[in-house]
Amino acid sequence: MADKANHHYVPQFYLRGFSDGLGRKARVFTFDQSTNKSFTTLVRNVASKRHFNRVEIEGVDPNYLEDGLSEMEGELAPFLAEVIEAKCFPSHDHFNWVMNLAAHLSVRNPRLRGQLEGFHKDIAERVGALSVSSREVWESQVRQLEENEDQTFPNVTYESAKKFHNEKNYDIIIDQTHLIGLEVKMIDPVLKELGRRNWCFVSPVKGEAFITSDDPVVLSWADGKDRGFCSPGHGVLGTLIAFPLSTDLLLLGAFENLPKTMEYNAFKVADMNTHVARYSTNQIYSRTGDFRINMPGRDFVCGNDLPGLMIADKRRRSANKS
């Protein structure tokens, strides 16, 4: 069986709503914030990562999850297209499918996986530090291991263990299958909270377009205020979800009342594009580079101009520091 290495964490059928062209020839304008470069490329070349959905379970095909997601996306795609066409949920099935897409995008992405991996690594580091915090603690743990594993560890002295930990000449690798399992468990609780929200379909005024990103379901505080270490949660009142569905349609979700539909003028579209870009991981996507976005000190910037302006701002900040 051929190895499927290029796994999309943002589905191609979704990205085609922000592309120019059809099918496998669909292309998107991309701005990469990590390099300050823009380019136009095929949809299949973005929002993907090598073996992102690969699982390592004895007796299970490593592509089991990737194949399952592909099958689900094949069923979901026509429902999303019909929602975009109608600018509403034509049926409860349409609502369920779009909410499932939002739930998957919310929890199955490199940003959240990186956070989960970092949390596990931090715990492992803390456990390691505690294990060598004293000779008594170390020797107690060795005795427990020998009792449970029925083997001895004659060469692992307290001094060698402490030296190994302090020198940090090691990598902590968190099993990807374990992380994927945690993500899958998170989908149902998130889906439940998405179903409790009120949803509004937002259209841009003629001539304007919404963008999307490599982390397209944006969960934030509705009032836009920074609450420091207090992050918004899917089940928390006073939060807002912005989910672009296409260049011509965006979903807003809140626990508070919302109108069924709205139209954003050019300035509100630019504000929303800025909001989507701010919460992206690295890249934003659009059909063309003609979309509008705001920058510090510069409102209503054309997407095509972002690389030059970002580089100029970086040089200006460097000059001010020196």
C-alpha atoms as a PDB file:
ATOM      1  CA  MET A   1       0.000   0.000   0.000  1.00  0.00           C
ATOM      2  CA  ALA A   2       1.385   3.417  -0.976  1.00  0.00           C
ATOM      3  CA  ASP A   3       2.450   5.644   1.884  1.00  0.00           C
ATOM      4  CA  LYS A   4       0.296   8.759   2.157  1.00  0.00           C
ATOM      5  CA  ALA A   5       2.765  11.267   3.560  1.00  0.00           C
ATOM      6  CA  ASN A   6       1.172  14.664   2.874  1.00  0.00           C
ATOM      7  CA  HIS A   7      -1.643  14.964   5.430  1.00  0.00           C
ATOM      8  CA  HIS A   8      -3.827  18.069   5.408  1.00  0.00           C
ATOM      9  CA  TYR A   9      -4.868  19.400   8.803  1.00  0.00           C
ATOM     10  CA  VAL A  10      -7.062  21.935   6.968  1.00  0.00           C
ATOM     11  CA  PRO A  11      -9.049  19.991   4.337  1.00  0.00           C
ATOM     12  CA  GLN A  12      -8.522  20.821   0.696  1.00  0.00           C
ATOM     13  CA  PHE A  13     -12.267  20.946  -0.010  1.00  0.00           C
ATOM     14  CA  TYR A  14     -12.581  23.706   2.614  1.00  0.00           C
ATOM     15  CA  LEU A  15      -9.623  25.702   1.253  1.00  0.00           C
ATOM     16  CA  ARG A  16     -11.130  25.619  -2.250  1.00  0.00           C
ATOM     17  CA  GLY A  17     -13.729  28.070  -0.952  1.00  0.00           C
ATOM     18  CA  PHE A  18     -10.887  30.604  -0.871  1.00  0.00           C
ATOM     19  CA  SER A  19      -9.174  29.575  -4.083  1.00  0.00           C
ATOM     20  CA  ASP A  20      -9.104  30.408  -7.770  1.00  0.00           C
ATOM     21  CA  GLY A  21      -9.676  27.472 -10.107  1.00  0.00           C
ATOM     22  CA  LEU A  22     -11.413  24.131  -9.738  1.00  0.00           C
ATOM     23  CA  GLY A  23     -10.543  20.755  -8.270  1.00  0.00           C
ATOM     24  CA  ARG A  24      -6.886  19.781  -8.157  1.00  0.00           C
ATOM     25  CA  LYS A  25      -5.971  22.958 -10.073  1.00  0.00           C
ATOM     26  CA  ALA A  26      -7.351  25.248  -7.366  1.00  0.00           C
ATOM     27  CA  ARG A  27      -4.795  27.814  -6.242  1.00  0.00           C
ATOM     28  CA  VAL A  28      -4.658  30.129  -3.228  1.00  0.00           C
ATOM     29  CA  PHE A  29      -2.853  33.348  -2.516  1.00  0.00           C
ATOM     30  CA  THR A  30      -0.759  32.661   0.601  1.00  0.00           C
ATOM     31  CA  PHE A  31       0.991  35.005   2.988  1.00  0.00           C
ATOM     32  CA  ASP A  32       3.460  33.319   5.339  1.00  0.00           C
ATOM     33  CA  GLN A  33       4.040  35.370   8.475  1.00  0.00           C
ATOM     34  CA  SER A  34       7.123  33.360   9.480  1.00  0.00           C
ATOM     35  CA  THR A  35       8.969  34.406   6.304  1.00  0.00           C
ATOM     36  CA  ASN A  36       7.065  37.609   5.415  1.00  0.00           C
ATOM     37  CA  LYS A  37       6.617  36.219   1.905  1.00  0.00           C
ATOM     38  CA  SER A  38       3.540  35.820  -0.272  1.00  0.00           C
ATOM     39  CA  PHE A  39       2.987  33.399  -3.134  1.00  0.00           C
ATOM     40  CA  THR A  40       0.229  31.661  -5.069  1.00  0.00           C
ATOM     41  CA  THR A  41       0.221  27.878  -4.995  1.00  0.00           C
ATOM     42  CA  LEU A  42      -1.980  24.832  -5.375  1.00  0.00           C
ATOM     43  CA  VAL A  43      -4.307  24.107  -2.470  1.00  0.00           C
ATOM     44  CA  ARG A  44      -2.669  20.725  -1.945  1.00  0.00           C
ATOM     45  CA  ASN A  45       0.628  22.469  -1.103  1.00  0.00           C
ATOM     46  CA  VAL A  46      -0.590  24.343   1.986  1.00  0.00           C
ATOM     47  CA  ALA A  47      -1.980  23.552   5.467  1.00  0.00           C
ATOM     48  CA  SER A  48      -0.408  20.102   5.462  1.00  0.00           C
ATOM     49  CA  LYS A  49       2.271  18.300   7.400  1.00  0.00           C
ATOM     50  CA  ARG A  50       4.148  15.098   6.750  1.00  0.00           C
ATOM     51  CA  HIS A  51       2.445  12.138   8.462  1.00  0.00           C
ATOM     52  CA  PHE A  52       0.340  14.447  10.652  1.00  0.00           C
ATOM     53  CA  ASN A  53      -2.405  11.788  10.983  1.00  0.00           C
ATOM     54  CA  ARG A  54      -0.159   8.725  11.097  1.00  0.00           C
ATOM     55  CA  VAL A  55      -0.858   6.284  13.940  1.00  0.00           C
ATOM     56  CA  GLU A  56       1.374   3.533  15.272  1.00  0.00           C
ATOM     57  CA  ILE A  57      -0.857   0.769  16.664  1.00  0.00           C
ATOM     58  CA  GLU A  58      -0.070  -2.918  16.332  1.00  0.00           C
ATOM     59  CA  GLY A  59      -2.263  -4.531  13.707  1.00  0.00           C
ATOM     60  CA  VAL A  60      -3.638  -1.198  12.471  1.00  0.00           C
ATOM     61  CA  ASP A  61      -2.828   0.450   9.135  1.00  0.00           C
ATOM     62  CA  PRO A  62      -0.784   3.631   9.855  1.00  0.00           C
ATOM     63  CA  ASN A  63      -3.128   5.454   7.421  1.00  0.00           C
ATOM     64  CA  TYR A  64      -6.259   4.329   9.280  1.00  0.00           C
ATOM     65  CA  LEU A  65      -7.057   7.830  10.576  1.00  0.00           C
ATOM     66  CA  GLU A  66      -6.045   9.596   7.362  1.00  0.00           C
ATOM     67  CA  ASP A  67      -8.252   7.287   5.309  1.00  0.00           C
ATOM     68  CA  GLY A  68     -11.159   7.747   7.730  1.00  0.00           C
ATOM     69  CA  LEU A  69     -10.856  11.534   7.615  1.00  0.00           C
ATOM     70  CA  SER A  70     -10.744  11.463   3.810  1.00  0.00           C
ATOM     71  CA  GLU A  71     -13.955   9.454   3.755  1.00  0.00           C
ATOM     72  CA  MET A  72     -15.639  11.845   6.189  1.00  0.00           C
ATOM     73  CA  GLU A  73     -14.504  14.865   4.175  1.00  0.00           C
ATOM     74  CA  GLY A  74     -15.973  13.330   1.024  1.00  0.00           C
ATOM     75  CA  GLU A  75     -19.359  13.196   2.753  1.00  0.00           C
ATOM     76  CA  LEU A  76     -19.001  16.650   4.295  1.00  0.00           C
ATOM     77  CA  ALA A  77     -17.932  18.605   1.201  1.00  0.00           C
ATOM     78  CA  PRO A  78     -21.340  18.771  -0.567  1.00  0.00           C
ATOM     79  CA  PHE A  79     -23.066  19.858   2.661  1.00  0.00           C
ATOM     80  CA  LEU A  80     -20.605  22.745   3.093  1.00  0.00           C
ATOM     81  CA  ALA A  81     -21.069  23.768  -0.550  1.00  0.00           C
ATOM     82  CA  GLU A  82     -24.853  23.845  -0.088  1.00  0.00           C
ATOM     83  CA  VAL A  83     -24.548  25.931   3.093  1.00  0.00           C
ATOM     84  CA  ILE A  84     -22.339  28.450   1.277  1.00  0.00           C
ATOM     85  CA  GLU A  85     -24.777  28.584  -1.637  1.00  0.00           C
ATOM     86  CA  ALA A  86     -27.828  29.052   0.590  1.00  0.00           C
ATOM     87  CA  LYS A  87     -26.082  31.255   3.208  1.00  0.00           C
ATOM     88  CA  CYS A  88     -27.969  29.334   5.877  1.00  0.00           C
ATOM     89  CA  PHE A  89     -28.318  25.803   7.244  1.00  0.00           C
ATOM     90  CA  PRO A  90     -30.860  24.185   4.872  1.00  0.00           C
ATOM     91  CA  SER A  91     -31.339  21.256   7.260  1.00  0.00           C
ATOM     92  CA  HIS A  92     -30.233  19.881  10.612  1.00  0.00           C
ATOM     93  CA  ASP A  93     -27.819  17.586   8.752  1.00  0.00           C
ATOM     94  CA  HIS A  94     -26.145  20.620   7.215  1.00  0.00           C
ATOM     95  CA  PHE A  95     -25.762  22.153  10.673  1.00  0.00           C
ATOM     96  CA  ASN A  96     -24.297  18.923  12.097  1.00  0.00           C
ATOM     97  CA  TRP A  97     -21.762  18.536   9.316  1.00  0.00           C
ATOM     98  CA  VAL A  98     -20.510  22.130   9.513  1.00  0.00           C
ATOM     99  CA  MET A  99     -20.257  21.916  13.314  1.00  0.00           C
ATOM    100  CA  ASN A 100     -18.258  18.692  12.952  1.00  0.00           C
ATOM    101  CA  LEU A 101     -15.895  20.462  10.577  1.00  0.00           C
ATOM    102  CA  ALA A 102     -15.487  23.334  13.043  1.00  0.00           C
ATOM    103  CA  ALA A 103     -14.860  20.922  15.935  1.00  0.00           C
ATOM    104  CA  HIS A 104     -12.171  19.009  14.027  1.00  0.00           C
ATOM    105  CA  LEU A 105     -10.436  22.200  12.904  1.00  0.00           C
ATOM    106  CA  SER A 106     -10.545  23.542  16.467  1.00  0.00           C
ATOM    107  CA  VAL A 107      -8.676  20.655  18.082  1.00  0.00           C
ATOM    108  CA  ARG A 108      -6.757  18.888  15.333  1.00  0.00           C
ATOM    109  CA  ASN A 109      -4.068  21.340  14.266  1.00  0.00           C
ATOM    110  CA  PRO A 110      -0.315  21.795  14.785  1.00  0.00           C
ATOM    111  CA  ARG A 111      -0.806  24.661  17.258  1.00  0.00           C
ATOM    112  CA  LEU A 112      -2.870  22.669  19.729  1.00  0.00           C
ATOM    113  CA  ARG A 113      -0.817  19.522  19.219  1.00  0.00           C
ATOM    114  CA  GLY A 114       2.295  21.536  19.970  1.00  0.00           C
ATOM    115  CA  GLN A 115       0.701  22.783  23.180  1.00  0.00           C
ATOM    116  CA  LEU A 116      -0.256  19.236  24.205  1.00  0.00           C
ATOM    117  CA  GLU A 117       3.238  18.001  23.416  1.00  0.00           C
ATOM    118  CA  GLY A 118       4.811  20.866  25.353  1.00  0.00           C
ATOM    119  CA  PHE A 119       2.600  20.136  28.369  1.00  0.00           C
ATOM    120  CA  HIS A 120       3.621  16.465  28.387  1.00  0.00           C
ATOM    121  CA  LYS A 121       7.302  17.344  28.006  1.00  0.00           C
ATOM    122  CA  ASP A 122       7.065  19.792  30.886  1.00  0.00           C
ATOM    123  CA  ILE A 123       5.504  17.119  33.107  1.00  0.00           C
ATOM    124  CA  ALA A 124       8.237  14.658  32.137  1.00  0.00           C
ATOM    125  CA  GLU A 125      10.907  17.234  32.963  1.00  0.00           C
ATOM    126  CA  ARG A 126       9.340  17.926  36.351  1.00  0.00           C
ATOM    127  CA  VAL A 127       9.099  14.237  37.163  1.00  0.00           C
ATOM    128  CA  GLY A 128      12.733  13.781  36.159  1.00  0.00           C
ATOM    129  CA  ALA A 129      13.832  16.695  38.334  1.00  0.00           C
ATOM    130  CA  LEU A 130      11.876  15.323  41.275  1.00  0.00           C
ATOM    131  CA  SER A 131      13.396  11.841  40.800  1.00  0.00           C
ATOM    132  CA  VAL A 132      16.943  13.164  41.290  1.00  0.00           C
ATOM    133  CA  SER A 133      16.076  15.841  43.860  1.00  0.00           C
ATOM    134  CA  SER A 134      17.841  13.773  46.544  1.00  0.00           C
ATOM    135  CA  ARG A 135      19.606  10.466  46.969  1.00  0.00           C
ATOM    136  CA  GLU A 136      16.778   9.192  49.170  1.00  0.00           C
ATOM    137  CA  VAL A 137      14.134   9.930  46.534  1.00  0.00           C
ATOM    138  CA  TRP A 138      16.203   8.305  43.779  1.00  0.00           C
ATOM    139  CA  GLU A 139      16.972   5.149  45.730  1.00  0.00           C
ATOM    140  CA  SER A 140      13.313   4.833  46.757  1.00  0.00           C
ATOM    141  CA  GLN A 141      12.203   4.978  43.118  1.00  0.00           C
ATOM    142  CA  VAL A 142      14.828   2.431  42.066  1.00  0.00           C
ATOM    143  CA  ARG A 143      13.564   0.025  44.749  1.00  0.00           C
ATOM    144  CA  GLN A 144       9.996   0.439  43.508  1.00  0.00           C
ATOM    145  CA  LEU A 145      11.060  -0.225  39.921  1.00  0.00           C
ATOM    146  CA  GLU A 146      12.985  -3.314  40.891  1.00  0.00           C
ATOM    147  CA  GLU A 147       9.986  -4.650  42.820  1.00  0.00           C
ATOM    148  CA  ASN A 148       7.538  -3.962  39.994  1.00  0.00           C
ATOM    149  CA  GLU A 149       9.776  -4.953  37.071  1.00  0.00           C
ATOM    150  CA  ASP A 150      11.565  -7.829  38.816  1.00  0.00           C
ATOM    151  CA  GLN A 151      14.993  -6.642  37.625  1.00  0.00           C
ATOM    152  CA  THR A 152      17.950  -4.694  38.984  1.00  0.00           C
ATOM    153  CA  PHE A 153      19.533  -1.436  37.815  1.00  0.00           C
ATOM    154  CA  PRO A 154      23.128  -1.825  39.038  1.00  0.00           C
ATOM    155  CA  ASN A 155      24.697   0.774  36.723  1.00  0.00           C
ATOM    156  CA  VAL A 156      22.159   3.558  37.290  1.00  0.00           C
ATOM    157  CA  THR A 157      23.586   5.371  40.278  1.00  0.00           C
ATOM    158  CA  TYR A 158      22.169   8.521  41.789  1.00  0.00           C
ATOM    159  CA  GLU A 159      25.220  10.481  40.613  1.00  0.00           C
ATOM    160  CA  SER A 160      24.930   9.279  37.004  1.00  0.00           C
ATOM    161  CA  ALA A 161      21.179   9.908  36.907  1.00  0.00           C
ATOM    162  CA  LYS A 162      21.534  13.422  38.304  1.00  0.00           C
ATOM    163  CA  LYS A 163      24.378  14.199  35.871  1.00  0.00           C
ATOM    164  CA  PHE A 164      22.283  12.908  32.959  1.00  0.00           C
ATOM    165  CA  HIS A 165      19.329  15.089  33.964  1.00  0.00           C
ATOM    166  CA  ASN A 166      21.374  18.235  34.607  1.00  0.00           C
ATOM    167  CA  GLU A 167      23.285  18.056  31.318  1.00  0.00           C
ATOM    168  CA  LYS A 168      20.030  17.818  29.297  1.00  0.00           C
ATOM    169  CA  ASN A 169      21.719  15.774  26.589  1.00  0.00           C
ATOM    170  CA  TYR A 170      18.471  14.064  25.673  1.00  0.00           C
ATOM    171  CA  ASP A 171      15.210  14.609  23.837  1.00  0.00           C
ATOM    172  CA  ILE A 172      11.780  13.873  25.255  1.00  0.00           C
ATOM    173  CA  ILE A 173       9.650  12.353  22.497  1.00  0.00           C
ATOM    174  CA  ILE A 174       5.903  12.226  23.044  1.00  0.00           C
ATOM    175  CA  ASP A 175       4.161   9.472  21.111  1.00  0.00           C
ATOM    176  CA  GLN A 176       2.109  11.035  18.302  1.00  0.00           C
ATOM    177  CA  THR A 177      -0.546   8.319  18.522  1.00  0.00           C
ATOM    178  CA  HIS A 178      -1.117   9.293  22.156  1.00  0.00           C
ATOM    179  CA  LEU A 179      -1.496  12.958  21.190  1.00  0.00           C
ATOM    180  CA  ILE A 180      -3.909  12.053  18.384  1.00  0.00           C
ATOM    181  CA  GLY A 181      -5.948  10.042  20.880  1.00  0.00           C
ATOM    182  CA  LEU A 182      -6.228  13.083  23.146  1.00  0.00           C
ATOM    183  CA  GLU A 183      -7.339  15.226  20.206  1.00  0.00           C
ATOM    184  CA  VAL A 184     -10.038  12.732  19.230  1.00  0.00           C
ATOM    185  CA  LYS A 185     -11.365  12.709  22.809  1.00  0.00           C
ATOM    186  CA  MET A 186     -11.631  16.519  22.717  1.00  0.00           C
ATOM    187  CA  ILE A 187     -13.828  16.612  19.609  1.00  0.00           C
ATOM    188  CA  ASP A 188     -17.116  15.544  21.242  1.00  0.00           C
ATOM    189  CA  PRO A 189     -17.013  18.087  24.125  1.00  0.00           C
ATOM    190  CA  VAL A 190     -16.158  20.881  21.681  1.00  0.00           C
ATOM    191  CA  LEU A 191     -18.893  19.748  19.278  1.00  0.00           C
ATOM    192  CA  LYS A 192     -21.438  19.814  22.112  1.00  0.00           C
ATOM    193  CA  GLU A 193     -20.576  23.437  22.960  1.00  0.00           C
ATOM    194  CA  LEU A 194     -20.636  24.472  19.303  1.00  0.00           C
ATOM    195  CA  GLY A 195     -24.158  23.087  19.098  1.00  0.00           C
ATOM    196  CA  ARG A 196     -25.264  25.282  22.003  1.00  0.00           C
ATOM    197  CA  ARG A 197     -24.184  28.527  20.337  1.00  0.00           C
ATOM    198  CA  ASN A 198     -26.284  30.880  18.258  1.00  0.00           C
ATOM    199  CA  TRP A 199     -24.936  31.311  14.739  1.00  0.00           C
ATOM    200  CA  CYS A 200     -24.980  34.255  12.354  1.00  0.00           C
ATOM    201  CA  PHE A 201     -24.115  34.180   8.640  1.00  0.00           C
ATOM    202  CA  VAL A 202     -22.060  37.220   7.661  1.00  0.00           C
ATOM    203  CA  SER A 203     -21.611  38.357   4.059  1.00  0.00           C
ATOM    204  CA  PRO A 204     -19.120  40.984   2.863  1.00  0.00           C
ATOM    205  CA  VAL A 205     -20.239  44.017   0.937  1.00  0.00           C
ATOM    206  CA  LYS A 206     -19.750  43.635  -2.810  1.00  0.00           C
ATOM    207  CA  GLY A 207     -16.089  43.929  -3.803  1.00  0.00           C
ATOM    208  CA  GLU A 208     -14.689  42.706  -0.454  1.00  0.00           C
ATOM    209  CA  ALA A 209     -13.593  39.211   0.558  1.00  0.00           C
ATOM    210  CA  PHE A 210     -12.953  37.223   3.708  1.00  0.00           C
ATOM    211  CA  ILE A 211      -9.696  35.352   4.208  1.00  0.00           C
ATOM    212  CA  THR A 212      -8.950  32.165   6.133  1.00  0.00           C
ATOM    213  CA  SER A 213      -5.862  30.676   7.747  1.00  0.00           C
ATOM    214  CA  ASP A 214      -4.055  27.492   8.796  1.00  0.00           C
ATOM    215  CA  ASP A 215      -6.023  27.695  12.084  1.00  0.00           C
ATOM    216  CA  PRO A 216      -9.374  28.928  10.770  1.00  0.00           C
ATOM    217  CA  VAL A 217     -11.771  28.512  13.728  1.00  0.00           C
ATOM    218  CA  VAL A 218     -11.006  31.582  15.850  1.00  0.00           C
ATOM    219  CA  LEU A 219     -12.151  31.440  19.479  1.00  0.00           C
ATOM    220  CA  SER A 220     -11.758  34.745  21.326  1.00  0.00           C
ATOM    221  CA  TRP A 221     -13.311  36.997  23.941  1.00  0.00           C
ATOM    222  CA  ALA A 222     -16.292  38.772  22.400  1.00  0.00           C
ATOM    223  CA  ASP A 223     -15.246  42.166  23.787  1.00  0.00           C
ATOM    224  CA  GLY A 224     -11.730  41.800  22.384  1.00  0.00           C
ATOM    225  CA  LYS A 225     -10.097  42.494  25.755  1.00  0.00           C
ATOM    226  CA  ASP A 226      -6.888  40.767  26.808  1.00  0.00           C
ATOM    227  CA  ARG A 227      -7.379  38.742  29.987  1.00  0.00           C
ATOM    228  CA  GLY A 228      -3.762  37.705  30.402  1.00  0.00           C
ATOM    229  CA  PHE A 229      -3.416  34.032  31.253  1.00  0.00           C
ATOM    230  CA  CYS A 230      -7.189  33.507  31.199  1.00  0.00           C
ATOM    231  CA  SER A 231      -7.853  31.964  27.799  1.00  0.00           C
ATOM    232  CA  PRO A 232     -11.331  31.739  26.247  1.00  0.00           C
ATOM    233  CA  GLY A 233     -12.950  28.297  26.308  1.00  0.00           C
ATOM    234  CA  HIS A 234     -15.514  26.716  24.015  1.00  0.00           C
ATOM    235  CA  GLY A 235     -18.075  26.534  26.823  1.00  0.00           C
ATOM    236  CA  VAL A 236     -17.412  29.980  28.324  1.00  0.00           C
ATOM    237  CA  LEU A 237     -19.938  32.798  28.126  1.00  0.00           C
ATOM    238  CA  GLY A 238     -18.758  36.040  26.576  1.00  0.00           C
ATOM    239  CA  THR A 239     -16.729  34.260  23.894  1.00  0.00           C
ATOM    240  CA  LEU A 240     -17.064  34.518  20.128  1.00  0.00           C
ATOM    241  CA  ILE A 241     -16.211  32.084  17.343  1.00  0.00           C
ATOM    242  CA  ALA A 242     -15.384  33.405  13.894  1.00  0.00           C
ATOM    243  CA  PHE A 243     -15.246  30.731  11.186  1.00  0.00           C
ATOM    244  CA  PRO A 244     -14.777  31.831   7.548  1.00  0.00           C
ATOM    245  CA  LEU A 245     -16.593  29.415   5.220  1.00  0.00           C
ATOM    246  CA  SER A 246     -15.609  31.039   1.927  1.00  0.00           C
ATOM    247  CA  THR A 247     -14.475  34.368   0.545  1.00  0.00           C
ATOM    248  CA  ASP A 248     -18.149  35.391   0.555  1.00  0.00           C
ATOM    249  CA  LEU A 249     -19.398  33.928   3.841  1.00  0.00           C
ATOM    250  CA  LEU A 250     -18.385  33.805   7.493  1.00  0.00           C
ATOM    251  CA  LEU A 251     -19.996  32.224  10.560  1.00  0.00           C
ATOM    252  CA  LEU A 252     -20.144  33.974  13.916  1.00  0.00           C
ATOM    253  CA  GLY A 253     -21.074  31.917  16.968  1.00  0.00           C
ATOM    254  CA  ALA A 254     -21.947  33.143  20.468  1.00  0.00           C
ATOM    255  CA  PHE A 255     -23.996  32.032  23.470  1.00  0.00           C
ATOM    256  CA  GLU A 256     -25.651  35.436  23.449  1.00  0.00           C
ATOM    257  CA  ASN A 257     -28.303  36.382  20.890  1.00  0.00           C
ATOM    258  CA  LEU A 258     -27.176  37.068  17.336  1.00  0.00           C
ATOM    259  CA  PRO A 259     -29.101  38.028  14.201  1.00  0.00           C
ATOM    260  CA  LYS A 260     -29.483  35.267  11.626  1.00  0.00           C
ATOM    261  CA  THR A 261     -27.614  37.256   8.976  1.00  0.00           C
ATOM    262  CA  MET A 262     -25.449  40.361   8.706  1.00  0.00           C
ATOM    263  CA  GLU A 263     -23.556  42.248   6.032  1.00  0.00           C
ATOM    264  CA  TYR A 264     -20.138  43.705   6.798  1.00  0.00           C
ATOM    265  CA  ASN A 265     -18.958  46.878   5.119  1.00  0.00           C
ATOM    266  CA  ALA A 266     -15.394  47.168   3.853  1.00  0.00           C
ATOM    267  CA  PHE A 267     -14.016  48.354   7.189  1.00  0.00           C
ATOM    268  CA  LYS A 268     -15.642  45.526   9.157  1.00  0.00           C
ATOM    269  CA  VAL A 269     -14.365  42.980   6.631  1.00  0.00           C
ATOM    270  CA  ALA A 270     -10.838  44.345   7.086  1.00  0.00           C
ATOM    271  CA  ASP A 271     -11.274  44.128  10.868  1.00  0.00           C
ATOM    272  CA  MET A 272     -12.401  40.494  10.604  1.00  0.00           C
ATOM    273  CA  ASN A 273      -9.548  39.600   8.248  1.00  0.00           C
ATOM    274  CA  THR A 274      -7.150  41.143  10.765  1.00  0.00           C
ATOM    275  CA  HIS A 275      -8.768  39.066  13.521  1.00  0.00           C
ATOM    276  CA  VAL A 276      -8.413  35.852  11.501  1.00  0.00           C
ATOM    277  CA  ALA A 277      -4.798  36.650  10.610  1.00  0.00           C
ATOM    278  CA  ARG A 278      -3.879  37.457  14.217  1.00  0.00           C
ATOM    279  CA  TYR A 279      -4.944  34.005  15.382  1.00  0.00           C
ATOM    280  CA  SER A 280      -3.348  32.085  12.506  1.00  0.00           C
ATOM    281  CA  THR A 281      -0.343  29.870  13.151  1.00  0.00           C
ATOM    282  CA  ASN A 282       1.793  30.861  10.170  1.00  0.00           C
ATOM    283  CA  GLN A 283      -0.226  31.358   7.012  1.00  0.00           C
ATOM    284  CA  ILE A 284      -3.326  33.139   5.755  1.00  0.00           C
ATOM    285  CA  TYR A 285      -5.119  32.265   2.507  1.00  0.00           C
ATOM    286  CA  SER A 286      -7.272  34.117   0.011  1.00  0.00           C
ATOM    287  CA  ARG A 287      -8.484  33.804  -3.552  1.00  0.00           C
ATOM    288  CA  THR A 288      -6.292  36.738  -4.563  1.00  0.00           C
ATOM    289  CA  GLY A 289      -4.050  39.263  -2.858  1.00  0.00           C
ATOM    290  CA  ASP A 290      -6.682  42.017  -3.172  1.00  0.00           C
ATOM    291  CA  PHE A 291      -8.197  41.449   0.278  1.00  0.00           C
ATOM    292  CA  ARG A 292      -8.029  44.190   2.915  1.00  0.00           C
ATOM    293  CA  ILE A 293      -6.408  43.918   6.325  1.00  0.00           C
ATOM    294  CA  ASN A 294      -5.239  46.280   9.062  1.00  0.00           C
ATOM    295  CA  MET A 295      -1.726  46.707  10.435  1.00  0.00           C
ATOM    296  CA  PRO A 296      -0.477  48.697  13.437  1.00  0.00           C
ATOM    297  CA  GLY A 297      -0.620  52.309  12.300  1.00  0.00           C
ATOM    298  CA  ARG A 298      -1.975  51.339   8.877  1.00  0.00           C
ATOM    299  CA  ASP A 299      -5.608  50.508   8.209  1.00  0.00           C
ATOM    300  CA  PHE A 300      -7.072  49.018   5.067  1.00  0.00           C
ATOM    301  CA  VAL A 301      -3.846  47.526   3.725  1.00  0.00           C
ATOM    302  CA  CYS A 302      -4.009  45.449   0.540  1.00  0.00           C
ATOM    303  CA  GLY A 303      -2.867  41.842   0.999  1.00  0.00           C
ATOM    304  CA  ASN A 304      -0.471  42.147  -1.935  1.00  0.00           C
ATOM    305  CA  ASP A 305       1.420  44.840  -0.029  1.00  0.00           C
ATOM    306  CA  LEU A 306       1.903  42.838   3.186  1.00  0.00           C
ATOM    307  CA  PRO A 307       5.423  41.452   2.489  1.00  0.00           C
ATOM    308  CA  GLY A 308       6.955  44.852   1.766  1.00  0.00           C
ATOM    309  CA  LEU A 309       5.205  46.565   4.658  1.00  0.00           C
ATOM    310  CA  MET A 310       6.098  43.815   7.137  1.00  0.00           C
ATOM    311  CA  ILE A 311       9.763  43.940   6.138  1.00  0.00           C
ATOM    312  CA  ALA A 312       9.773  47.746   6.370  1.00  0.00           C
ATOM    313  CA  ASP A 313       8.207  47.593   9.848  1.00  0.00           C
ATOM    314  CA  LYS A 314      10.795  45.036  10.969  1.00  0.00           C
ATOM    315  CA  ARG A 315      13.635  47.256   9.760  1.00  0.00           C
ATOM    316  CA  ARG A 316      12.076  50.280  11.443  1.00  0.00           C
ATOM    317  CA  ARG A 317      11.809  48.459  14.785  1.00  0.00           C
ATOM    318  CA  SER A 318      15.404  47.293  14.517  1.00  0.00           C
ATOM    319  CA  ALA A 319      16.587  50.825  13.787  1.00  0.00           C
ATOM    320  CA  ASN A 320      14.674  52.194  16.780  1.00  0.00           C
ATOM    321  CA  LYS A 321      16.313  49.674  19.102  1.00  0.00           C
ATOM    322  CA  SER A 322      19.841  50.510  17.955  1.00  0.00           C
END
